[in-house]
C-alpha atoms as a PDB file:
ATOM      1  CA  MET A   1     -12.123   0.106 -21.287  1.00  0.00           C
ATOM      2  CA  ILE A   2     -10.226  -3.008 -20.368  1.00  0.00           C
ATOM      3  CA  THR A   3     -11.500  -3.342 -16.895  1.00  0.00           C
ATOM      4  CA  ASN A   4     -14.963  -2.823 -18.041  1.00  0.00           C
ATOM      5  CA  GLY A   5     -15.069  -5.920 -20.002  1.00  0.00           C
ATOM      6  CA  VAL A   6     -14.392  -4.828 -23.451  1.00  0.00           C
ATOM      7  CA  ASN A   7     -12.712  -7.701 -25.280  1.00  0.00           C
ATOM      8  CA  VAL A   8      -9.194  -6.673 -26.300  1.00  0.00           C
ATOM      9  CA  ASN A   9      -6.787  -8.962 -28.136  1.00  0.00           C
ATOM     10  CA  VAL A  10      -3.308  -9.471 -27.147  1.00  0.00           C
ATOM     11  CA  GLN A  11      -2.019  -7.518 -30.240  1.00  0.00           C
ATOM     12  CA  SER A  12      -3.909  -4.368 -28.967  1.00  0.00           C
ATOM     13  CA  LEU A  13      -2.579  -4.853 -25.445  1.00  0.00           C
ATOM     14  CA  LEU A  14       0.983  -4.945 -26.755  1.00  0.00           C
ATOM     15  CA  LYS A  15       0.407  -1.731 -28.783  1.00  0.00           C
ATOM     16  CA  MET A  16      -0.993  -0.081 -25.602  1.00  0.00           C
ATOM     17  CA  LYS A  17       2.013  -1.394 -23.628  1.00  0.00           C
ATOM     18  CA  LYS A  18       4.469   0.143 -26.123  1.00  0.00           C
ATOM     19  CA  HIS A  19       2.761   3.527 -26.037  1.00  0.00           C
ATOM     20  CA  LEU A  20       2.378   3.471 -22.198  1.00  0.00           C
ATOM     21  CA  ALA A  21       6.097   2.704 -21.844  1.00  0.00           C
ATOM     22  CA  VAL A  22       6.878   5.757 -23.982  1.00  0.00           C
ATOM     23  CA  VAL A  23       4.557   8.037 -22.019  1.00  0.00           C
ATOM     24  CA  MET A  24       5.927   6.689 -18.701  1.00  0.00           C
ATOM     25  CA  GLY A  25       9.436   7.745 -19.697  1.00  0.00           C
ATOM     26  CA  PHE A  26      11.129   4.429 -20.241  1.00  0.00           C
ATOM     27  CA  GLU A  27      14.346   4.461 -22.301  1.00  0.00           C
ATOM     28  CA  ASN A  28      14.878   2.490 -25.460  1.00  0.00           C
ATOM     29  CA  VAL A  29      11.168   1.400 -26.046  1.00  0.00           C
ATOM     30  CA  VAL A  30      11.012  -0.985 -28.936  1.00  0.00           C
ATOM     31  CA  GLY A  31       8.091  -2.976 -30.243  1.00  0.00           C
ATOM     32  CA  ILE A  32       9.555  -6.287 -31.662  1.00  0.00           C
ATOM     33  CA  ALA A  33       7.436  -7.133 -34.695  1.00  0.00           C
ATOM     34  CA  GLN A  34       7.056 -10.082 -36.934  1.00  0.00           C
ATOM     35  CA  LEU A  35       7.343  -9.834 -40.792  1.00  0.00           C
ATOM     36  CA  ASP A  36       3.594  -9.148 -40.950  1.00  0.00           C
ATOM     37  CA  GLY A  37       4.042  -5.980 -38.758  1.00  0.00           C
ATOM     38  CA  HIS A  38       2.368  -7.416 -35.668  1.00  0.00           C
ATOM     39  CA  ILE A  39       4.041  -6.666 -32.456  1.00  0.00           C
ATOM     40  CA  VAL A  40       5.057  -9.777 -30.564  1.00  0.00           C
ATOM     41  CA  ARG A  41       6.868  -8.311 -27.553  1.00  0.00           C
ATOM     42  CA  VAL A  42       7.735  -4.850 -26.155  1.00  0.00           C
ATOM     43  CA  GLU A  43      11.186  -4.309 -24.838  1.00  0.00           C
ATOM     44  CA  PHE A  44      12.261  -1.246 -22.877  1.00  0.00           C
ATOM     45  CA  GLY A  45      15.081  -0.029 -20.572  1.00  0.00           C
ATOM     46  CA  ASP A  46      15.037   1.628 -17.262  1.00  0.00           C
ATOM     47  CA  VAL A  47      13.175   4.880 -16.263  1.00  0.00           C
ATOM     48  CA  ALA A  48      15.272   7.603 -14.668  1.00  0.00           C
ATOM     49  CA  ALA A  49      12.474  10.105 -13.808  1.00  0.00           C
ATOM     50  CA  VAL A  50       8.777  10.389 -14.111  1.00  0.00           C
ATOM     51  CA  SER A  51       6.821  13.405 -15.147  1.00  0.00           C
ATOM     52  CA  GLU A  52       3.608  14.498 -13.529  1.00  0.00           C
ATOM     53  CA  GLU A  53       1.671  13.506 -16.662  1.00  0.00           C
ATOM     54  CA  VAL A  54       2.263   9.804 -15.743  1.00  0.00           C
ATOM     55  CA  ALA A  55      -0.058   9.888 -12.716  1.00  0.00           C
ATOM     56  CA  PRO A  56      -3.307   9.189 -14.549  1.00  0.00           C
ATOM     57  CA  CYS A  57      -1.587   6.272 -16.328  1.00  0.00           C
ATOM     58  CA  ILE A  58      -0.442   4.942 -13.031  1.00  0.00           C
ATOM     59  CA  ASP A  59      -4.047   5.239 -11.636  1.00  0.00           C
ATOM     60  CA  GLU A  60      -5.481   3.344 -14.547  1.00  0.00           C
ATOM     61  CA  LEU A  61      -2.804   0.672 -14.382  1.00  0.00           C
ATOM     62  CA  THR A  62      -3.938   0.015 -10.773  1.00  0.00           C
ATOM     63  CA  THR A  63      -7.550  -0.769 -12.081  1.00  0.00           C
ATOM     64  CA  VAL A  64      -6.197  -2.832 -14.923  1.00  0.00           C
ATOM     65  CA  PHE A  65      -4.081  -4.947 -12.457  1.00  0.00           C
ATOM     66  CA  ASP A  66      -7.173  -5.552 -10.453  1.00  0.00           C
ATOM     67  CA  SER A  67      -9.322  -6.651 -13.328  1.00  0.00           C
ATOM     68  CA  PRO A  68     -10.599 -10.173 -13.133  1.00  0.00           C
ATOM     69  CA  LEU A  69     -10.777 -10.568 -16.926  1.00  0.00           C
ATOM     70  CA  PRO A  70      -8.681 -13.500 -18.371  1.00  0.00           C
ATOM     71  CA  SER A  71      -6.099 -13.356 -21.087  1.00  0.00           C
ATOM     72  CA  GLU A  72      -3.663 -15.794 -22.589  1.00  0.00           C
ATOM     73  CA  LEU A  73       0.045 -14.840 -22.667  1.00  0.00           C
ATOM     74  CA  THR A  74       3.004 -16.830 -23.989  1.00  0.00           C
ATOM     75  CA  PRO A  75       6.481 -16.347 -22.482  1.00  0.00           C
ATOM     76  CA  SER A  76       7.778 -15.006 -25.708  1.00  0.00           C
ATOM     77  CA  MET A  77       5.230 -12.073 -25.440  1.00  0.00           C
ATOM     78  CA  MET A  78       6.879 -10.982 -22.189  1.00  0.00           C
ATOM     79  CA  THR A  79      10.701 -11.757 -22.567  1.00  0.00           C
ATOM     80  CA  ARG A  80      13.267 -12.556 -25.028  1.00  0.00           C
ATOM     81  CA  SER A  81      14.708 -15.601 -23.149  1.00  0.00           C
ATOM     82  CA  TYR A  82      11.742 -17.855 -22.746  1.00  0.00           C
ATOM     83  CA  GLY A  83      13.334 -21.290 -23.156  1.00  0.00           C
ATOM     84  CA  GLN A  84      11.703 -24.063 -25.122  1.00  0.00           C
ATOM     85  CA  ASP A  85       8.245 -23.903 -23.546  1.00  0.00           C
ATOM     86  CA  ASP A  86       6.141 -21.230 -25.303  1.00  0.00           C
ATOM     87  CA  ARG A  87       2.717 -22.521 -24.459  1.00  0.00           C
ATOM     88  CA  PRO A  88       0.216 -19.738 -23.421  1.00  0.00           C
ATOM     89  CA  SER A  89      -0.701 -19.298 -19.803  1.00  0.00           C
ATOM     90  CA  LYS A  90      -4.124 -18.323 -18.694  1.00  0.00           C
ATOM     91  CA  LEU A  91      -3.550 -15.093 -16.768  1.00  0.00           C
ATOM     92  CA  LEU A  92      -5.442 -11.874 -15.923  1.00  0.00           C
ATOM     93  CA  VAL A  93      -5.498  -9.169 -18.569  1.00  0.00           C
ATOM     94  CA  GLY A  94      -3.285  -6.829 -16.453  1.00  0.00           C
ATOM     95  CA  SER A  95      -0.409  -9.413 -16.417  1.00  0.00           C
ATOM     96  CA  ILE A  96       1.056  -7.984 -19.662  1.00  0.00           C
ATOM     97  CA  PHE A  97       1.672  -4.704 -17.916  1.00  0.00           C
ATOM     98  CA  ILE A  98       3.264  -6.043 -14.765  1.00  0.00           C
ATOM     99  CA  ASP A  99       6.889  -5.502 -15.885  1.00  0.00           C
ATOM    100  CA  LEU A 100       6.118  -1.832 -16.473  1.00  0.00           C
ATOM    101  CA  ILE A 101       5.278  -1.192 -12.863  1.00  0.00           C
ATOM    102  CA  LEU A 102       8.004  -3.490 -11.481  1.00  0.00           C
ATOM    103  CA  VAL A 103      10.755  -1.864 -13.525  1.00  0.00           C
ATOM    104  CA  MET A 104       9.510   1.693 -12.832  1.00  0.00           C
ATOM    105  CA  PHE A 105       9.595   1.018  -9.042  1.00  0.00           C
ATOM    106  CA  CYS A 106      12.940  -0.715  -9.097  1.00  0.00           C
ATOM    107  CA  THR A 107      14.828   1.685 -11.380  1.00  0.00           C
ATOM    108  CA  LEU A 108      13.585   5.120 -10.411  1.00  0.00           C
ATOM    109  CA  ARG A 109      16.592   6.909  -8.782  1.00  0.00           C
ATOM    110  CA  ASP A 110      14.679   8.777  -6.137  1.00  0.00           C
ATOM    111  CA  LEU A 111      11.126   7.591  -5.128  1.00  0.00           C
ATOM    112  CA  SER A 112      10.959  10.555  -2.744  1.00  0.00           C
ATOM    113  CA  LEU A 113      10.714  12.924  -5.693  1.00  0.00           C
ATOM    114  CA  LEU A 114       7.385  11.290  -6.775  1.00  0.00           C
ATOM    115  CA  PRO A 115       4.139  12.940  -5.602  1.00  0.00           C
ATOM    116  CA  GLU A 116       2.919  11.104  -2.613  1.00  0.00           C
ATOM    117  CA  LEU A 117      -0.339  10.032  -4.294  1.00  0.00           C
ATOM    118  CA  THR A 118       1.615   8.628  -7.214  1.00  0.00           C
ATOM    119  CA  LEU A 119       3.894   6.656  -5.061  1.00  0.00           C
ATOM    120  CA  LYS A 120       0.906   5.321  -3.105  1.00  0.00           C
ATOM    121  CA  ARG A 121      -0.753   4.112  -6.326  1.00  0.00           C
ATOM    122  CA  ILE A 122       2.516   2.388  -7.353  1.00  0.00           C
ATOM    123  CA  LEU A 123       2.576   0.662  -4.168  1.00  0.00           C
ATOM    124  CA  GLU A 124      -1.092  -0.274  -4.321  1.00  0.00           C
ATOM    125  CA  SER A 125      -0.486  -1.665  -7.753  1.00  0.00           C
ATOM    126  CA  LEU A 126       2.327  -3.845  -6.388  1.00  0.00           C
ATOM    127  CA  CYS A 127       0.034  -5.036  -3.621  1.00  0.00           C
ATOM    128  CA  ILE A 128      -2.701  -6.053  -6.171  1.00  0.00           C
ATOM    129  CA  VAL A 129       0.009  -7.661  -8.452  1.00  0.00           C
ATOM    130  CA  VAL A 130       1.400  -9.708  -5.663  1.00  0.00           C
ATOM    131  CA  HIS A 131      -1.951 -10.903  -4.598  1.00  0.00           C
ATOM    132  CA  LYS A 132      -3.774 -11.546  -7.851  1.00  0.00           C
ATOM    133  CA  HIS A 133      -1.121 -12.516 -10.449  1.00  0.00           C
ATOM    134  CA  ASP A 134       0.591 -15.887 -10.739  1.00  0.00           C
ATOM    135  CA  PHE A 135       4.381 -15.359 -10.889  1.00  0.00           C
ATOM    136  CA  GLU A 136       4.916 -19.090 -11.222  1.00  0.00           C
ATOM    137  CA  SER A 137       3.402 -19.187 -14.612  1.00  0.00           C
ATOM    138  CA  THR A 138       5.794 -19.703 -17.442  1.00  0.00           C
ATOM    139  CA  ALA A 139       4.919 -16.137 -18.832  1.00  0.00           C
ATOM    140  CA  LEU A 140       5.642 -14.353 -15.582  1.00  0.00           C
ATOM    141  CA  LEU A 141       8.452 -16.511 -14.328  1.00  0.00           C
ATOM    142  CA  HIS A 142      11.164 -14.167 -15.437  1.00  0.00           C
ATOM    143  CA  LEU A 143       9.686 -11.335 -13.275  1.00  0.00           C
ATOM    144  CA  GLN A 144      10.418 -13.098 -10.070  1.00  0.00           C
ATOM    145  CA  HIS A 145      13.738 -11.570  -9.677  1.00  0.00           C
ATOM    146  CA  ARG A 146      12.337  -8.015 -10.262  1.00  0.00           C
ATOM    147  CA  LEU A 147       9.474  -8.717  -7.711  1.00  0.00           C
ATOM    148  CA  ARG A 148      12.210  -9.578  -5.167  1.00  0.00           C
ATOM    149  CA  GLN A 149      14.004  -6.257  -6.080  1.00  0.00           C
ATOM    150  CA  ALA A 150      10.757  -4.439  -5.458  1.00  0.00           C
ATOM    151  CA  VAL A 151      10.294  -5.989  -2.040  1.00  0.00           C
ATOM    152  CA  LEU A 152      13.888  -4.892  -1.080  1.00  0.00           C
ATOM    153  CA  ARG A 153      13.210  -1.399  -2.376  1.00  0.00           C
ATOM    154  CA  SER A 154       9.963  -1.267  -0.363  1.00  0.00           C
ATOM    155  CA  SER A 155      11.856  -2.255   2.706  1.00  0.00           C
ATOM    156  CA  GLU A 156      14.308   0.570   2.146  1.00  0.00           C
ATOM    157  CA  LEU A 157      11.436   2.918   1.530  1.00  0.00           C
ATOM    158  CA  ILE A 158       9.914   2.110   4.934  1.00  0.00           C
ATOM    159  CA  LEU A 159      13.090   3.264   6.656  1.00  0.00           C
ATOM    160  CA  GLN A 160      12.921   6.663   4.893  1.00  0.00           C
ATOM    161  CA  ASP A 161      10.909   9.595   6.261  1.00  0.00           C
ATOM    162  CA  ILE A 162       7.582   9.001   4.457  1.00  0.00           C
ATOM    163  CA  GLY A 163       4.025   9.299   5.633  1.00  0.00           C
ATOM    164  CA  TYR A 164       2.250   6.823   7.737  1.00  0.00           C
ATOM    165  CA  GLU A 165      -0.048   5.781   4.916  1.00  0.00           C
ATOM    166  CA  LEU A 166       2.741   5.094   2.461  1.00  0.00           C
ATOM    167  CA  ARG A 167       4.630   3.108   5.053  1.00  0.00           C
ATOM    168  CA  GLN A 168       1.391   0.993   5.628  1.00  0.00           C
ATOM    169  CA  VAL A 169       0.947   0.301   1.885  1.00  0.00           C
ATOM    170  CA  ALA A 170       4.648  -0.674   1.434  1.00  0.00           C
ATOM    171  CA  LEU A 171       4.279  -2.972   4.502  1.00  0.00           C
ATOM    172  CA  SER A 172       1.210  -4.507   3.012  1.00  0.00           C
ATOM    173  CA  PHE A 173       3.175  -5.174  -0.254  1.00  0.00           C
ATOM    174  CA  ILE A 174       5.928  -6.927   1.671  1.00  0.00           C
ATOM    175  CA  GLN A 175       3.494  -8.886   3.726  1.00  0.00           C
ATOM    176  CA  GLY A 176       1.569  -9.938   0.593  1.00  0.00           C
ATOM    177  CA  PHE A 177       4.913 -11.131  -1.065  1.00  0.00           C
ATOM    178  CA  VAL A 178       5.797 -13.188   2.048  1.00  0.00           C
ATOM    179  CA  LYS A 179       2.306 -14.846   2.039  1.00  0.00           C
ATOM    180  CA  GLN A 180       1.936 -15.388  -1.647  1.00  0.00           C
ATOM    181  CA  CYS A 181       5.427 -15.932  -3.061  1.00  0.00           C
ATOM    182  CA  ASP A 182       7.001 -18.212  -0.395  1.00  0.00           C
ATOM    183  CA  LYS A 183       8.203 -20.700  -3.159  1.00  0.00           C
ATOM    184  CA  PHE A 184      10.550 -18.250  -4.805  1.00  0.00           C
ATOM    185  CA  MET A 185      11.189 -15.821  -1.918  1.00  0.00           C
ATOM    186  CA  GLY A 186      14.865 -16.673  -1.817  1.00  0.00           C
ATOM    187  CA  HIS A 187      17.189 -14.479   0.323  1.00  0.00           C
ATOM    188  CA  VAL A 188      14.808 -11.405   0.476  1.00  0.00           C
ATOM    189  CA  ILE A 189      13.961 -11.882   4.168  1.00  0.00           C
END
């Protein structure tokens, strides 16, 4: 629906994000609401394990991340500590869901327990995210640390006994990070 050009407001995206976080198995999912009941931000904890029912959600997230449709996000929609500057940034519509895939990839205890196709889709999502989304915008700035963690986790994954195709997608993600995020790469390499 979102990737096919249906106009969706940010309020609906935040509701979808909250429900998606619950389905994906995140702990402590909370929709922070204003007095009028509108959700302004979704907060969630880590994810310990993923059920098989999550695979279709991850598949669809990949297409949402790849969608060229624009959206405006403020830093306060993404994080509690956004500083003084809460001006909206023009980003892609999938930007509001980036923290879900990053936190999932970084906090899952054992990635080898995931079905191979699900892990491949997560890695493909990370490739798309690193190439298409602007992590230097004020709304996504707080995710730079989590993105660096994902790169480190991918480099650890490469050293494990995984299939050739998974290893190639993980390497593509790391390569994309090095090319696209050289300004905040830090001590990863």
